[in-house]
Amino acid sequence: MGGITLTRSEFLVLMDAVQAPGVVGLDAGELVPANPGEHKALVAEGIQRLTKRGALRVESGVNVLDTTLIGMAMVLANPVLAVITTRDNPGVGPQLFLHYMAEALAVEQTLPSEDEHRLALVSAAGLVDRLLEILPVEKRNGGEAYQVSLEQDDFFAVKEMAESQAGKKATKILVKNGMKEDGAQQLVAAMTVPEFGGSLAMLRCEKGQVVDGRNLAVVQGAETAWLVKQAKVGSAKLAVTSCDEAGFRSLIADWIGELSG
């Protein structure tokens, strides 16, 4: 996939070049200095850095950026679709991945440090594969599929009980809501000792603003992965289902089609 790591000052040069007031998924207040003088100084520093790297040249008094960099900046500034993905590895902490799509091009942004932005090109056709690399869900037990629909308060109570080693109480709530006991036990076990967890928010954007979206959470257990999302768009209930790679791939592809079409 390749890519380039930019300092904050270099990244601000890109954003200024495409006149982007902000970037979906990043706090504008943290990204751009509130003081105009500080902002101007950072951009000047970024221009110097990019010039030394050969990524910016001056032609007839005009700063000209590398075509790949300006292309990525344009996608970040005005995406059709933005995807915010987190992966939480026990003992390591959360990792953030940001993807922006416009037409046949997608750009991945990660933040190696507080003042660094790593940008890489991803084909729009390869975006689903990339998201599955980040959240590699799988079903290993080969058994039946499990599902349950429950109120958000009940779900978060189950999650808190599982994380507090109160698995039996958590299992009872799931069974009370109609889940089979063996499925409930597997879900509670995954919440208690996850291999990894994560979340994904897929956002439709217009002129840099979010206008629609879908979101989900996943947790990978020893037996199977579990997917948590709204039972229906706009519903207060959550649907929790066991999940394999094929099911996850199909859902993500469907969402991309719905929100980018």
Protein backbone atom coordinates (compact mmCIF):
# COMPACT_ATOMS: atom_id res chain seq x y z
CA MET A 1 0.00 0.00 0.00
CA GLY A 2 2.99 2.32 0.51
CA GLY A 3 2.38 5.74 1.93
CA ILE A 4 4.02 8.86 3.28
CA THR A 5 4.31 10.19 6.82
CA LEU A 6 3.87 13.94 7.18
CA THR A 7 4.53 16.22 10.11
CA ARG A 8 1.61 18.34 11.31
CA SER A 9 3.10 21.38 9.56
CA GLU A 10 3.37 19.49 6.25
CA PHE A 11 -0.20 18.21 6.61
CA LEU A 12 -1.45 21.77 7.12
CA VAL A 13 0.18 22.77 3.83
CA LEU A 14 -1.95 20.14 2.08
CA MET A 15 -5.11 21.31 3.83
CA ASP A 16 -4.39 24.95 2.94
CA ALA A 17 -3.73 24.01 -0.69
CA VAL A 18 -7.25 22.55 -1.05
CA GLN A 19 -8.83 25.16 1.25
CA ALA A 20 -10.13 22.52 3.67
CA PRO A 21 -11.54 23.98 6.91
CA GLY A 22 -11.29 20.55 8.56
CA VAL A 23 -11.08 16.81 8.04
CA VAL A 24 -13.81 14.33 8.96
CA GLY A 25 -12.74 12.31 12.01
CA LEU A 26 -10.22 14.87 13.28
CA ASP A 27 -10.90 17.63 15.80
CA ALA A 28 -10.46 20.90 13.90
CA GLY A 29 -9.61 22.69 17.15
CA GLU A 30 -6.67 20.35 17.71
CA LEU A 31 -5.64 20.19 14.07
CA VAL A 32 -5.48 23.91 13.22
CA PRO A 33 -3.96 26.47 15.63
CA ALA A 34 -6.50 29.06 16.74
CA ASN A 35 -3.86 31.79 16.53
CA PRO A 36 -3.53 32.95 12.88
CA GLY A 37 0.13 33.84 13.37
CA GLU A 38 0.94 30.39 14.73
CA HIS A 39 -0.98 28.79 11.86
CA LYS A 40 0.94 30.85 9.28
CA ALA A 41 4.27 29.96 10.89
CA LEU A 42 3.44 26.24 10.86
CA VAL A 43 2.44 26.34 7.19
CA ALA A 44 5.70 28.17 6.35
CA GLU A 45 7.62 25.46 8.20
CA GLY A 46 5.68 22.79 6.31
CA ILE A 47 6.49 24.40 2.96
CA GLN A 48 10.20 24.33 3.81
CA ARG A 49 10.02 20.67 4.86
CA LEU A 50 8.12 19.58 1.76
CA THR A 51 10.50 21.53 -0.50
CA LYS A 52 13.50 19.73 1.03
CA ARG A 53 11.75 16.39 0.46
CA GLY A 54 11.13 17.23 -3.20
CA ALA A 55 7.36 17.13 -2.68
CA LEU A 56 6.88 20.85 -3.39
CA ARG A 57 8.46 23.18 -5.90
CA VAL A 58 8.02 26.84 -6.80
CA GLU A 59 6.98 27.74 -10.33
CA SER A 60 6.61 31.44 -11.26
CA GLY A 61 6.24 32.29 -7.58
CA VAL A 62 3.53 29.66 -7.00
CA ASN A 63 3.94 26.66 -4.68
CA VAL A 64 3.22 23.45 -6.61
CA LEU A 65 2.66 20.24 -4.65
CA ASP A 66 3.44 16.72 -5.78
CA THR A 67 0.44 15.46 -7.78
CA THR A 68 -0.11 12.40 -5.58
CA LEU A 69 -0.12 14.51 -2.42
CA ILE A 70 -2.54 17.08 -3.82
CA GLY A 71 -4.77 14.27 -5.06
CA MET A 72 -4.89 12.70 -1.59
CA ALA A 73 -5.53 16.11 -0.03
CA MET A 74 -8.53 16.65 -2.31
CA VAL A 75 -10.04 13.31 -1.27
CA LEU A 76 -9.53 14.10 2.44
CA ALA A 77 -11.09 17.53 2.04
CA ASN A 78 -14.17 16.46 0.09
CA PRO A 79 -14.90 12.73 0.41
CA VAL A 80 -18.11 11.06 -0.65
CA LEU A 81 -17.59 8.52 2.12
CA ALA A 82 -15.55 8.54 5.33
CA VAL A 83 -14.93 5.47 7.48
CA ILE A 84 -13.68 5.76 11.05
CA THR A 85 -12.42 2.44 12.39
CA THR A 86 -10.94 1.62 15.77
CA ARG A 87 -9.32 -1.63 16.81
CA ASP A 88 -8.80 -2.28 20.50
CA ASN A 89 -6.16 -4.87 21.35
CA PRO A 90 -6.14 -5.98 25.01
CA GLY A 91 -2.96 -4.80 26.68
CA VAL A 92 -2.09 -2.50 23.77
CA GLY A 93 -4.94 -0.03 23.52
CA PRO A 94 -6.96 1.42 20.64
CA GLN A 95 -5.68 2.06 17.13
CA LEU A 96 -7.42 4.57 14.85
CA PHE A 97 -7.79 4.19 11.08
CA LEU A 98 -9.46 6.83 8.91
CA HIS A 99 -10.49 6.19 5.30
CA TYR A 100 -11.82 8.68 2.79
CA MET A 101 -13.33 7.74 -0.57
CA ALA A 102 -14.12 9.77 -3.67
CA GLU A 103 -14.94 8.05 -6.95
CA ALA A 104 -12.41 5.22 -7.55
CA LEU A 105 -9.86 6.50 -5.03
CA ALA A 106 -9.60 5.99 -1.29
CA VAL A 107 -7.03 7.39 1.14
CA GLU A 108 -6.06 5.87 4.47
CA GLN A 109 -4.93 8.15 7.27
CA THR A 110 -3.35 6.98 10.51
CA LEU A 111 -1.68 8.98 13.26
CA PRO A 112 1.66 7.41 14.26
CA SER A 113 2.15 10.15 16.86
CA GLU A 114 0.40 13.28 18.09
CA ASP A 115 2.03 15.42 15.40
CA GLU A 116 2.25 12.97 12.49
CA HIS A 117 -0.16 11.96 9.72
CA ARG A 118 0.48 8.89 7.60
CA LEU A 119 -1.35 8.90 4.26
CA ALA A 120 -1.62 5.98 1.86
CA LEU A 121 -3.61 5.32 -1.30
CA VAL A 122 -6.13 2.47 -1.32
CA SER A 123 -8.28 1.60 -4.32
CA ALA A 124 -11.98 2.05 -3.64
CA ALA A 125 -12.42 -1.56 -4.77
CA GLY A 126 -9.91 -2.68 -2.13
CA LEU A 127 -11.44 -0.75 0.76
CA VAL A 128 -13.52 -3.68 2.07
CA ASP A 129 -10.44 -5.93 2.06
CA ARG A 130 -8.48 -3.30 3.96
CA LEU A 131 -11.20 -2.95 6.60
CA LEU A 132 -11.19 -6.74 7.04
CA GLU A 133 -7.43 -6.63 7.57
CA ILE A 134 -8.00 -4.16 10.40
CA LEU A 135 -10.93 -6.11 11.89
CA PRO A 136 -10.28 -9.74 10.83
CA VAL A 137 -13.46 -11.26 12.26
CA GLU A 138 -13.97 -15.00 11.95
CA LYS A 139 -16.25 -17.81 13.08
CA ARG A 140 -14.29 -20.87 14.17
CA ASN A 141 -16.80 -23.16 15.81
CA GLY A 142 -18.68 -24.10 12.64
CA GLY A 143 -21.89 -24.24 14.67
CA GLU A 144 -25.19 -22.47 14.37
CA ALA A 145 -25.62 -18.73 14.15
CA TYR A 146 -26.86 -16.86 17.23
CA GLN A 147 -28.64 -13.56 17.53
CA VAL A 148 -30.53 -11.45 20.02
CA SER A 149 -32.25 -8.06 19.96
CA LEU A 150 -32.24 -6.03 23.14
CA GLU A 151 -32.51 -2.52 24.50
CA GLN A 152 -29.30 -0.50 24.67
CA ASP A 153 -29.46 -0.34 28.48
CA ASP A 154 -29.64 -4.15 28.65
CA PHE A 155 -26.72 -4.53 26.25
CA PHE A 156 -24.46 -2.18 28.20
CA ALA A 157 -25.47 -3.88 31.45
CA VAL A 158 -24.44 -7.23 29.93
CA LYS A 159 -21.13 -5.75 28.75
CA GLU A 160 -20.37 -4.27 32.18
CA MET A 161 -21.24 -7.54 33.95
CA ALA A 162 -19.07 -9.56 31.57
CA GLU A 163 -16.11 -7.23 32.07
CA SER A 164 -16.68 -7.41 35.85
CA GLN A 165 -16.61 -11.23 35.88
CA ALA A 166 -20.35 -11.46 36.55
CA GLY A 167 -20.91 -13.78 33.61
CA LYS A 168 -23.85 -15.73 34.99
CA LYS A 169 -25.91 -12.57 35.52
CA ALA A 170 -25.02 -11.35 32.03
CA THR A 171 -26.03 -14.69 30.52
CA LYS A 172 -29.42 -14.56 32.28
CA ILE A 173 -30.21 -11.15 30.75
CA LEU A 174 -29.40 -12.43 27.26
CA VAL A 175 -31.49 -15.58 27.72
CA LYS A 176 -34.36 -13.49 29.09
CA ASN A 177 -34.25 -11.48 25.85
CA GLY A 178 -34.63 -14.67 23.80
CA MET A 179 -31.08 -15.82 23.12
CA LYS A 180 -30.16 -19.50 23.33
CA GLU A 181 -28.11 -20.24 26.44
CA ASP A 182 -25.07 -21.69 24.64
CA GLY A 183 -24.95 -18.64 22.38
CA ALA A 184 -25.33 -16.33 25.37
CA GLN A 185 -22.44 -18.06 27.12
CA GLN A 186 -20.21 -17.67 24.05
CA LEU A 187 -21.06 -13.98 23.76
CA VAL A 188 -20.36 -13.33 27.44
CA ALA A 189 -17.06 -15.22 27.17
CA ALA A 190 -16.05 -13.05 24.20
CA MET A 191 -16.87 -9.88 26.14
CA THR A 192 -14.99 -11.13 29.19
CA VAL A 193 -11.79 -12.15 27.37
CA PRO A 194 -11.82 -10.67 23.86
CA GLU A 195 -9.07 -11.36 21.36
CA PHE A 196 -9.77 -7.88 20.02
CA GLY A 197 -12.65 -5.47 19.77
CA GLY A 198 -13.43 -2.62 17.48
CA SER A 199 -15.89 -0.19 16.03
CA LEU A 200 -16.65 1.18 12.59
CA ALA A 201 -18.56 4.30 11.60
CA MET A 202 -19.34 4.74 7.90
CA LEU A 203 -20.35 8.29 7.02
CA ARG A 204 -21.84 9.82 3.89
CA CYS A 205 -20.38 13.27 3.31
CA GLU A 206 -21.35 16.28 1.24
CA LYS A 207 -19.05 19.31 0.96
CA GLY A 208 -16.99 18.04 3.89
CA GLN A 209 -20.02 17.60 6.18
CA VAL A 210 -21.52 14.33 7.44
CA VAL A 211 -25.12 13.88 6.25
CA ASP A 212 -25.83 10.19 6.96
CA GLY A 213 -24.15 7.21 8.54
CA ARG A 214 -24.10 3.66 9.87
CA ASN A 215 -22.10 2.25 12.75
CA LEU A 216 -21.27 -1.05 14.37
CA ALA A 217 -19.08 -2.67 16.99
CA VAL A 218 -17.38 -6.05 16.89
CA VAL A 219 -15.73 -8.33 19.42
CA GLN A 220 -13.74 -11.44 18.50
CA GLY A 221 -14.08 -14.36 20.89
CA ALA A 222 -12.47 -17.78 20.96
CA GLU A 223 -15.46 -19.40 19.22
CA THR A 224 -16.77 -16.69 16.94
CA ALA A 225 -16.92 -12.96 16.30
CA TRP A 226 -19.92 -10.90 17.39
CA LEU A 227 -21.42 -7.95 15.57
CA VAL A 228 -23.43 -5.21 17.33
CA LYS A 229 -25.50 -2.67 15.39
CA GLN A 230 -28.89 -1.00 15.40
CA ALA A 231 -31.67 -3.52 14.90
CA LYS A 232 -33.08 -1.14 12.28
CA VAL A 233 -31.94 2.28 11.10
CA GLY A 234 -33.22 4.75 13.69
CA SER A 235 -34.14 2.01 16.18
CA ALA A 236 -33.25 2.26 19.87
CA LYS A 237 -32.74 -1.51 19.99
CA LEU A 238 -29.45 -3.26 19.25
CA ALA A 239 -29.06 -6.45 17.26
CA VAL A 240 -26.23 -8.74 18.37
CA THR A 241 -25.31 -11.57 16.02
CA SER A 242 -22.54 -14.11 15.67
CA CYS A 243 -20.52 -13.18 12.62
CA ASP A 244 -18.08 -14.66 10.14
CA GLU A 245 -15.87 -12.99 7.54
CA ALA A 246 -18.36 -13.45 4.71
CA GLY A 247 -21.22 -11.88 6.65
CA PHE A 248 -19.08 -8.94 7.75
CA ARG A 249 -17.78 -8.41 4.22
CA SER A 250 -21.31 -8.43 2.81
CA LEU A 251 -22.58 -5.89 5.37
CA ILE A 252 -19.69 -3.47 4.78
CA ALA A 253 -20.05 -3.74 1.01
CA ASP A 254 -23.78 -3.09 1.28
CA TRP A 255 -23.22 -0.01 3.44
CA ILE A 256 -20.66 1.38 0.99
CA GLY A 257 -23.18 0.92 -1.81
CA GLU A 258 -25.99 2.56 0.18
CA LEU A 259 -24.01 5.56 1.37
CA SER A 260 -21.85 6.31 -1.65
CA GLY A 261 -24.47 5.73 -4.33
